[in-house]
Amino acid sequence: MFNLEKWREEDGAAAVEYGLLVGLIAVFLITAMTNLGDKVGDTLDKAACKVSGKTWNDTTQTCA
């Protein structure tokens, strides 16, 4: 009929595997968003500098 012990053993292993997958996905997303956020911020800084009529200096990452 229905073997409860086998179901319990598989459920625990599956929960651990799903936990590991969620953890790895979270680490990947945090890393990707951090890097992407920095690049978007730099792009917006450059655009703001050009709109204001100033020149962007790539070496110092500032408007002049």
N, C-alpha and C. Protein backbone atom coordinates (compact mmCIF):
# COMPACT_ATOMS: atom_id res chain seq x y z
N MET A 1 0.83 -1.19 0.00
CA MET A 1 0.00 0.00 0.00
C MET A 1 0.88 1.26 0.00
N PHE A 2 1.07 1.89 1.14
CA PHE A 2 1.81 3.14 1.21
C PHE A 2 2.91 3.01 2.25
N ASN A 3 4.16 3.20 1.83
CA ASN A 3 5.30 3.05 2.73
C ASN A 3 5.70 4.42 3.26
N LEU A 4 5.34 4.71 4.50
CA LEU A 4 5.57 6.03 5.11
C LEU A 4 7.05 6.28 5.38
N GLU A 5 7.80 5.24 5.76
CA GLU A 5 9.22 5.42 6.07
C GLU A 5 10.02 5.85 4.84
N LYS A 6 9.75 5.24 3.71
CA LYS A 6 10.46 5.62 2.49
C LYS A 6 10.15 7.06 2.10
N TRP A 7 8.92 7.49 2.26
CA TRP A 7 8.51 8.85 1.93
C TRP A 7 9.23 9.86 2.82
N ARG A 8 9.39 9.56 4.08
CA ARG A 8 10.07 10.47 5.02
C ARG A 8 11.55 10.62 4.65
N GLU A 9 12.21 9.52 4.31
CA GLU A 9 13.62 9.58 3.95
C GLU A 9 13.85 10.42 2.69
N GLU A 10 13.04 10.23 1.68
CA GLU A 10 13.18 10.98 0.44
C GLU A 10 12.83 12.46 0.63
N ASP A 11 11.87 12.75 1.46
CA ASP A 11 11.46 14.12 1.67
C ASP A 11 12.58 14.93 2.33
N GLY A 12 13.28 14.36 3.29
CA GLY A 12 14.37 15.06 3.95
C GLY A 12 15.51 15.36 2.99
N ALA A 13 15.85 14.38 2.16
CA ALA A 13 16.92 14.59 1.18
C ALA A 13 16.51 15.64 0.16
N ALA A 14 15.28 15.61 -0.27
CA ALA A 14 14.81 16.59 -1.25
C ALA A 14 14.83 17.99 -0.65
N ALA A 15 14.46 18.11 0.61
CA ALA A 15 14.45 19.42 1.26
C ALA A 15 15.86 19.99 1.33
N VAL A 16 16.83 19.16 1.63
CA VAL A 16 18.22 19.62 1.69
C VAL A 16 18.69 20.05 0.31
N GLU A 17 18.36 19.27 -0.71
CA GLU A 17 18.76 19.61 -2.07
C GLU A 17 18.12 20.92 -2.51
N TYR A 18 16.84 21.08 -2.23
CA TYR A 18 16.17 22.33 -2.59
C TYR A 18 16.76 23.51 -1.83
N GLY A 19 17.12 23.31 -0.58
CA GLY A 19 17.75 24.37 0.20
C GLY A 19 19.07 24.79 -0.39
N LEU A 20 19.87 23.82 -0.82
CA LEU A 20 21.15 24.13 -1.45
C LEU A 20 20.95 24.88 -2.76
N LEU A 21 19.98 24.45 -3.55
CA LEU A 21 19.70 25.14 -4.82
C LEU A 21 19.27 26.58 -4.58
N VAL A 22 18.39 26.78 -3.62
CA VAL A 22 17.93 28.14 -3.32
C VAL A 22 19.09 29.00 -2.84
N GLY A 23 19.97 28.44 -2.03
CA GLY A 23 21.14 29.18 -1.55
C GLY A 23 22.07 29.58 -2.68
N LEU A 24 22.34 28.66 -3.59
CA LEU A 24 23.21 28.96 -4.73
C LEU A 24 22.58 30.00 -5.66
N ILE A 25 21.29 29.89 -5.89
CA ILE A 25 20.61 30.87 -6.73
C ILE A 25 20.66 32.24 -6.07
N ALA A 26 20.48 32.30 -4.75
CA ALA A 26 20.53 33.58 -4.04
C ALA A 26 21.92 34.22 -4.16
N VAL A 27 22.96 33.43 -4.00
CA VAL A 27 24.33 33.95 -4.13
C VAL A 27 24.56 34.48 -5.54
N PHE A 28 24.11 33.74 -6.54
CA PHE A 28 24.26 34.17 -7.93
C PHE A 28 23.52 35.48 -8.17
N LEU A 29 22.28 35.58 -7.70
CA LEU A 29 21.49 36.79 -7.93
C LEU A 29 22.08 38.01 -7.22
N ILE A 30 22.54 37.82 -6.01
CA ILE A 30 23.14 38.94 -5.26
C ILE A 30 24.39 39.43 -5.98
N THR A 31 25.24 38.50 -6.44
CA THR A 31 26.45 38.89 -7.16
C THR A 31 26.12 39.60 -8.46
N ALA A 32 25.17 39.06 -9.21
CA ALA A 32 24.80 39.65 -10.49
C ALA A 32 24.21 41.04 -10.30
N MET A 33 23.33 41.19 -9.31
CA MET A 33 22.71 42.50 -9.09
C MET A 33 23.71 43.54 -8.60
N THR A 34 24.66 43.13 -7.80
CA THR A 34 25.68 44.05 -7.32
C THR A 34 26.53 44.56 -8.49
N ASN A 35 26.99 43.64 -9.32
CA ASN A 35 27.81 44.04 -10.47
C ASN A 35 27.01 44.86 -11.47
N LEU A 36 25.79 44.46 -11.73
CA LEU A 36 24.95 45.20 -12.67
C LEU A 36 24.61 46.58 -12.11
N GLY A 37 24.35 46.67 -10.82
CA GLY A 37 24.04 47.96 -10.20
C GLY A 37 25.19 48.94 -10.32
N ASP A 38 26.41 48.46 -10.14
CA ASP A 38 27.58 49.33 -10.28
C ASP A 38 27.71 49.85 -11.70
N LYS A 39 27.50 48.97 -12.68
CA LYS A 39 27.62 49.38 -14.07
C LYS A 39 26.52 50.36 -14.46
N VAL A 40 25.32 50.13 -13.99
CA VAL A 40 24.21 51.05 -14.29
C VAL A 40 24.48 52.40 -13.64
N GLY A 41 24.99 52.40 -12.42
CA GLY A 41 25.33 53.65 -11.74
C GLY A 41 26.38 54.44 -12.49
N ASP A 42 27.41 53.76 -12.99
CA ASP A 42 28.45 54.43 -13.77
C ASP A 42 27.87 55.03 -15.05
N THR A 43 27.02 54.27 -15.72
CA THR A 43 26.40 54.76 -16.95
C THR A 43 25.54 56.00 -16.69
N LEU A 44 24.79 55.98 -15.60
CA LEU A 44 23.95 57.14 -15.27
C LEU A 44 24.80 58.35 -14.90
N ASP A 45 25.92 58.12 -14.21
CA ASP A 45 26.83 59.23 -13.89
C ASP A 45 27.39 59.87 -15.16
N LYS A 46 27.78 59.02 -16.12
CA LYS A 46 28.31 59.54 -17.39
C LYS A 46 27.24 60.33 -18.14
N ALA A 47 26.02 59.81 -18.16
CA ALA A 47 24.92 60.48 -18.86
C ALA A 47 24.61 61.82 -18.20
N ALA A 48 24.59 61.86 -16.87
CA ALA A 48 24.32 63.12 -16.17
C ALA A 48 25.41 64.14 -16.46
N CYS A 49 26.63 63.69 -16.56
CA CYS A 49 27.74 64.59 -16.85
C CYS A 49 27.60 65.19 -18.25
N LYS A 50 27.26 64.35 -19.21
CA LYS A 50 27.11 64.83 -20.59
C LYS A 50 25.92 65.77 -20.72
N VAL A 51 24.84 65.46 -20.02
CA VAL A 51 23.64 66.31 -20.09
C VAL A 51 23.94 67.69 -19.49
N SER A 52 24.77 67.74 -18.47
CA SER A 52 25.09 69.01 -17.83
C SER A 52 26.11 69.82 -18.63
N GLY A 53 26.64 69.23 -19.72
CA GLY A 53 27.57 69.95 -20.58
C GLY A 53 29.02 69.83 -20.15
N LYS A 54 29.30 68.94 -19.24
CA LYS A 54 30.67 68.76 -18.78
C LYS A 54 31.30 67.55 -19.48
N THR A 55 32.58 67.33 -19.22
CA THR A 55 33.31 66.22 -19.82
C THR A 55 33.58 65.15 -18.78
N TRP A 56 33.32 63.90 -19.15
CA TRP A 56 33.56 62.77 -18.24
C TRP A 56 35.01 62.33 -18.33
N ASN A 57 35.66 62.19 -17.18
CA ASN A 57 37.04 61.74 -17.11
C ASN A 57 37.05 60.27 -16.68
N ASP A 58 37.39 59.35 -17.59
CA ASP A 58 37.38 57.91 -17.28
C ASP A 58 38.42 57.54 -16.24
N THR A 59 39.51 58.24 -16.19
CA THR A 59 40.58 57.90 -15.25
C THR A 59 40.16 58.14 -13.80
N THR A 60 39.57 59.31 -13.55
CA THR A 60 39.17 59.63 -12.17
C THR A 60 37.70 59.34 -11.90
N GLN A 61 36.95 58.97 -12.93
CA GLN A 61 35.52 58.67 -12.80
C GLN A 61 34.73 59.87 -12.25
N THR A 62 35.09 61.07 -12.75
CA THR A 62 34.41 62.29 -12.31
C THR A 62 34.10 63.18 -13.49
N CYS A 63 33.24 64.16 -13.24
CA CYS A 63 32.91 65.18 -14.24
C CYS A 63 33.89 66.33 -14.10
N ALA A 64 34.27 66.89 -15.24
CA ALA A 64 35.19 68.04 -15.17
C ALA A 64 34.67 69.15 -16.07
